[in-house]
């Protein structure tokens, strides 16, 4: 992957788009979405803004690519965290929630784009919806397996999955906005597990 600041003309086919996404994340971390422009991102990478427009027709397209990359990275992290747990369904759902919060804490700028104003309102970016679906698939798979094993209570898989997602996302948002004040990442994750425990007990089959 080409790094921001690489010299013009040094990219292999396909590398420039990835480099522009990485540079966009850096700008987002420094100034947020309102401070991001394609011209500035192109300059950070070392290419003309015309070259950037060949990959992203406008700022929304670049933000959609950043969001898509974020959802795919989130899905990979969730899958890895769940797979590290033993077969018990509730333990795997706990790992899902913790990994979700960890991603939000570790990538605040990208996470903000992922869950900011909807970027695919017009349907321009179907691959972004596919990436979001990967996250849903991971939690749904373990809920179904837990129900089959008699560990997770009966109910619509989508509804149970949404309850886990909403709780995890809500906690991450409250931490970001300092409504839940924690000293550091480790404390934030530990406190999440404390708050999440009653939710898991509520999901346990009777």
Protein backbone atom coordinates (compact mmCIF):
# COMPACT_ATOMS: atom_id res chain seq x y z
CA UNK A 1 0.00 0.00 0.00
CA UNK A 2 1.31 3.41 -0.90
CA UNK A 3 1.73 5.77 2.00
CA UNK A 4 0.65 9.37 2.26
CA UNK A 5 3.42 11.61 1.01
CA UNK A 6 4.58 9.17 -1.66
CA UNK A 7 5.88 10.85 -4.80
CA UNK A 8 3.68 11.30 -7.83
CA UNK A 9 3.88 8.42 -10.30
CA UNK A 10 5.11 5.87 -7.74
CA UNK A 11 1.86 3.88 -7.52
CA UNK A 12 1.07 0.47 -8.87
CA UNK A 13 -2.35 -0.08 -10.36
CA UNK A 14 -4.99 0.22 -7.63
CA UNK A 15 -2.66 1.54 -4.95
CA UNK A 16 -3.63 5.19 -5.31
CA UNK A 17 -7.22 4.65 -4.22
CA UNK A 18 -6.04 2.93 -1.04
CA UNK A 19 -3.49 5.67 -0.39
CA UNK A 20 -6.18 8.32 -0.78
CA UNK A 21 -8.41 6.49 1.70
CA UNK A 22 -5.57 6.31 4.23
CA UNK A 23 -4.80 10.00 3.79
CA UNK A 24 -8.48 10.83 4.19
CA UNK A 25 -8.56 9.04 7.53
CA UNK A 26 -5.59 11.12 8.69
CA UNK A 27 -7.38 14.34 7.71
CA UNK A 28 -10.55 13.14 9.43
CA UNK A 29 -8.61 12.48 12.62
CA UNK A 30 -7.20 16.01 12.54
CA UNK A 31 -10.20 18.06 11.40
CA UNK A 32 -13.28 15.86 11.02
CA UNK A 33 -15.49 15.42 7.92
CA UNK A 34 -16.12 19.16 7.48
CA UNK A 35 -12.41 19.77 7.10
CA UNK A 36 -11.87 17.14 4.41
CA UNK A 37 -11.55 17.97 0.72
CA UNK A 38 -10.41 15.82 -2.19
CA UNK A 39 -7.85 18.47 -3.11
CA UNK A 40 -6.25 18.33 0.33
CA UNK A 41 -6.23 14.53 0.40
CA UNK A 42 -4.63 14.44 -3.04
CA UNK A 43 -1.95 16.88 -1.90
CA UNK A 44 -1.22 14.76 1.17
CA UNK A 45 -0.60 11.74 -1.05
CA UNK A 46 1.42 13.73 -3.57
CA UNK A 47 -0.84 13.66 -6.62
CA UNK A 48 -2.98 16.23 -8.41
CA UNK A 49 -6.60 16.59 -7.45
CA UNK A 50 -7.44 15.50 -11.03
CA UNK A 51 -5.79 12.15 -10.28
CA UNK A 52 -7.88 11.81 -7.13
CA UNK A 53 -11.08 12.51 -9.09
CA UNK A 54 -10.30 9.58 -11.36
CA UNK A 55 -10.84 7.32 -8.34
CA UNK A 56 -13.46 9.28 -6.38
CA UNK A 57 -15.87 11.54 -8.22
CA UNK A 58 -16.57 13.64 -5.14
CA UNK A 59 -16.07 13.90 -1.39
CA UNK A 60 -19.06 11.66 -0.68
CA UNK A 61 -17.54 8.87 -2.77
CA UNK A 62 -14.29 9.11 -0.80
CA UNK A 63 -16.15 9.06 2.53
CA UNK A 64 -18.16 6.05 1.36
CA UNK A 65 -14.92 4.22 0.56
CA UNK A 66 -13.55 5.09 4.01
CA UNK A 67 -16.76 3.82 5.61
CA UNK A 68 -16.75 0.63 3.55
CA UNK A 69 -13.15 -0.12 4.47
CA UNK A 70 -14.07 0.50 8.10
CA UNK A 71 -17.00 -1.91 8.07
CA UNK A 72 -14.91 -4.61 6.42
CA UNK A 73 -12.14 -4.13 8.99
CA UNK A 74 -14.74 -4.18 11.77
CA UNK A 75 -16.20 -7.42 10.43
CA UNK A 76 -12.76 -9.04 10.32
CA UNK A 77 -12.03 -7.95 13.89
CA UNK A 78 -15.38 -9.21 15.13
CA UNK A 79 -14.96 -12.56 13.41
CA UNK A 80 -11.47 -13.00 14.86
CA UNK A 81 -12.63 -12.10 18.38
CA UNK A 82 -15.58 -14.48 18.22
CA UNK A 83 -13.46 -17.32 16.85
CA UNK A 84 -11.04 -17.00 19.76
CA UNK A 85 -13.85 -17.89 22.16
CA UNK A 86 -14.94 -21.43 23.02
CA UNK A 87 -18.15 -22.86 21.60
CA UNK A 88 -20.44 -21.29 24.20
CA UNK A 89 -22.77 -18.92 22.36
CA UNK A 90 -23.07 -16.33 25.13
CA UNK A 91 -19.28 -16.09 25.47
CA UNK A 92 -19.06 -15.50 21.73
CA UNK A 93 -21.71 -12.78 21.86
CA UNK A 94 -19.81 -11.14 24.73
CA UNK A 95 -16.66 -11.22 22.58
CA UNK A 96 -18.59 -9.65 19.71
CA UNK A 97 -19.70 -6.73 21.88
CA UNK A 98 -16.27 -6.12 23.34
CA UNK A 99 -14.56 -6.26 19.94
CA UNK A 100 -17.14 -3.85 18.54
CA UNK A 101 -16.48 -1.30 21.29
CA UNK A 102 -12.71 -1.78 20.94
CA UNK A 103 -12.89 -0.96 17.23
CA UNK A 104 -14.91 2.18 17.93
CA UNK A 105 -12.39 3.34 20.54
CA UNK A 106 -9.36 2.54 18.39
CA UNK A 107 -10.66 4.17 15.17
CA UNK A 108 -12.79 7.15 16.26
CA UNK A 109 -12.48 9.18 13.06
CA UNK A 110 -13.31 6.32 10.73
CA UNK A 111 -16.05 5.10 13.06
CA UNK A 112 -17.55 8.58 12.98
CA UNK A 113 -17.83 8.41 9.19
CA UNK A 114 -19.27 4.90 9.32
CA UNK A 115 -22.08 6.05 11.61
CA UNK A 116 -22.41 9.67 10.56
CA UNK A 117 -24.92 10.95 7.97
CA UNK A 118 -25.96 8.09 5.70
CA UNK A 119 -23.71 8.05 2.65
CA UNK A 120 -25.67 5.61 0.50
CA UNK A 121 -29.01 7.40 0.65
CA UNK A 122 -29.20 7.52 -3.14
CA UNK A 123 -28.01 3.94 -3.65
CA UNK A 124 -24.72 5.02 -5.25
CA UNK A 125 -22.58 2.73 -3.13
CA UNK A 126 -24.08 -0.79 -2.96
CA UNK A 127 -20.75 -2.27 -1.85
CA UNK A 128 -21.00 -0.16 1.32
CA UNK A 129 -24.29 -1.88 2.16
CA UNK A 130 -22.63 -5.24 1.50
CA UNK A 131 -19.89 -4.36 3.98
CA UNK A 132 -22.44 -3.43 6.65
CA UNK A 133 -24.15 -6.75 6.00
CA UNK A 134 -20.96 -8.60 6.90
CA UNK A 135 -21.24 -7.31 10.47
CA UNK A 136 -24.87 -8.39 10.69
CA UNK A 137 -24.02 -11.85 9.35
CA UNK A 138 -21.43 -12.48 12.05
CA UNK A 139 -23.72 -11.80 15.00
CA UNK A 140 -26.68 -13.54 13.35
CA UNK A 141 -24.67 -16.72 12.85
CA UNK A 142 -23.83 -17.02 16.54
CA UNK A 143 -27.35 -16.18 17.66
CA UNK A 144 -28.76 -18.93 15.46
CA UNK A 145 -26.17 -21.41 16.70
CA UNK A 146 -26.91 -20.44 20.30
CA UNK A 147 -30.62 -20.90 19.78
CA UNK A 148 -30.07 -24.31 18.20
CA UNK A 149 -27.93 -25.33 21.19
CA UNK A 150 -30.54 -24.08 23.67
CA UNK A 151 -28.27 -21.35 25.05
CA UNK A 152 -29.91 -18.26 23.51
CA UNK A 153 -33.60 -17.57 24.04
CA UNK A 154 -35.99 -17.97 21.11
CA UNK A 155 -36.84 -14.92 19.06
CA UNK A 156 -36.17 -13.19 15.77
CA UNK A 157 -32.46 -13.34 15.05
CA UNK A 158 -32.53 -9.83 13.61
CA UNK A 159 -34.13 -8.36 16.73
CA UNK A 160 -31.66 -10.04 19.09
CA UNK A 161 -28.75 -8.99 16.91
CA UNK A 162 -29.99 -5.41 16.78
CA UNK A 163 -30.24 -5.28 20.56
CA UNK A 164 -26.59 -6.28 20.85
CA UNK A 165 -25.51 -3.82 18.15
CA UNK A 166 -27.53 -0.95 19.62
CA UNK A 167 -26.17 -1.53 23.11
CA UNK A 168 -22.55 -1.75 21.91
CA UNK A 169 -22.89 1.27 19.63
CA UNK A 170 -24.66 3.33 22.29
CA UNK A 171 -21.96 2.63 24.84
CA UNK A 172 -19.21 3.56 22.37
CA UNK A 173 -20.99 6.82 21.53
CA UNK A 174 -21.39 7.75 25.19
CA UNK A 175 -17.69 7.11 25.82
CA UNK A 176 -16.71 9.20 22.77
CA UNK A 177 -18.88 12.08 23.93
CA UNK A 178 -17.58 11.81 27.50
CA UNK A 179 -21.06 11.08 28.86
CA UNK A 180 -19.53 7.92 30.26
CA UNK A 181 -16.16 8.98 31.66
CA UNK A 182 -13.45 6.35 31.80
CA UNK A 183 -9.72 6.73 32.41
CA UNK A 184 -8.45 4.72 29.48
CA UNK A 185 -9.27 2.05 26.90
CA UNK A 186 -8.82 -0.85 29.31
CA UNK A 187 -11.21 0.66 31.83
CA UNK A 188 -13.71 1.43 29.07
CA UNK A 189 -13.76 -2.19 27.94
CA UNK A 190 -13.95 -3.51 31.50
CA UNK A 191 -16.89 -1.24 32.30
CA UNK A 192 -18.60 -2.28 29.07
CA UNK A 193 -18.46 -5.90 30.20
CA UNK A 194 -20.01 -4.93 33.53
CA UNK A 195 -22.89 -3.16 31.81
CA UNK A 196 -23.26 -5.84 29.13
CA UNK A 197 -23.55 -8.73 31.58
CA UNK A 198 -27.27 -8.15 32.36
CA UNK A 199 -27.99 -7.96 28.62
CA UNK A 200 -26.39 -11.36 28.11
CA UNK A 201 -28.32 -12.80 31.03
CA UNK A 202 -31.48 -11.53 29.39
CA UNK A 203 -30.55 -13.35 26.18
CA UNK A 204 -29.95 -16.66 27.94
CA UNK A 205 -32.53 -19.36 27.31
CA UNK A 206 -34.65 -20.27 30.34
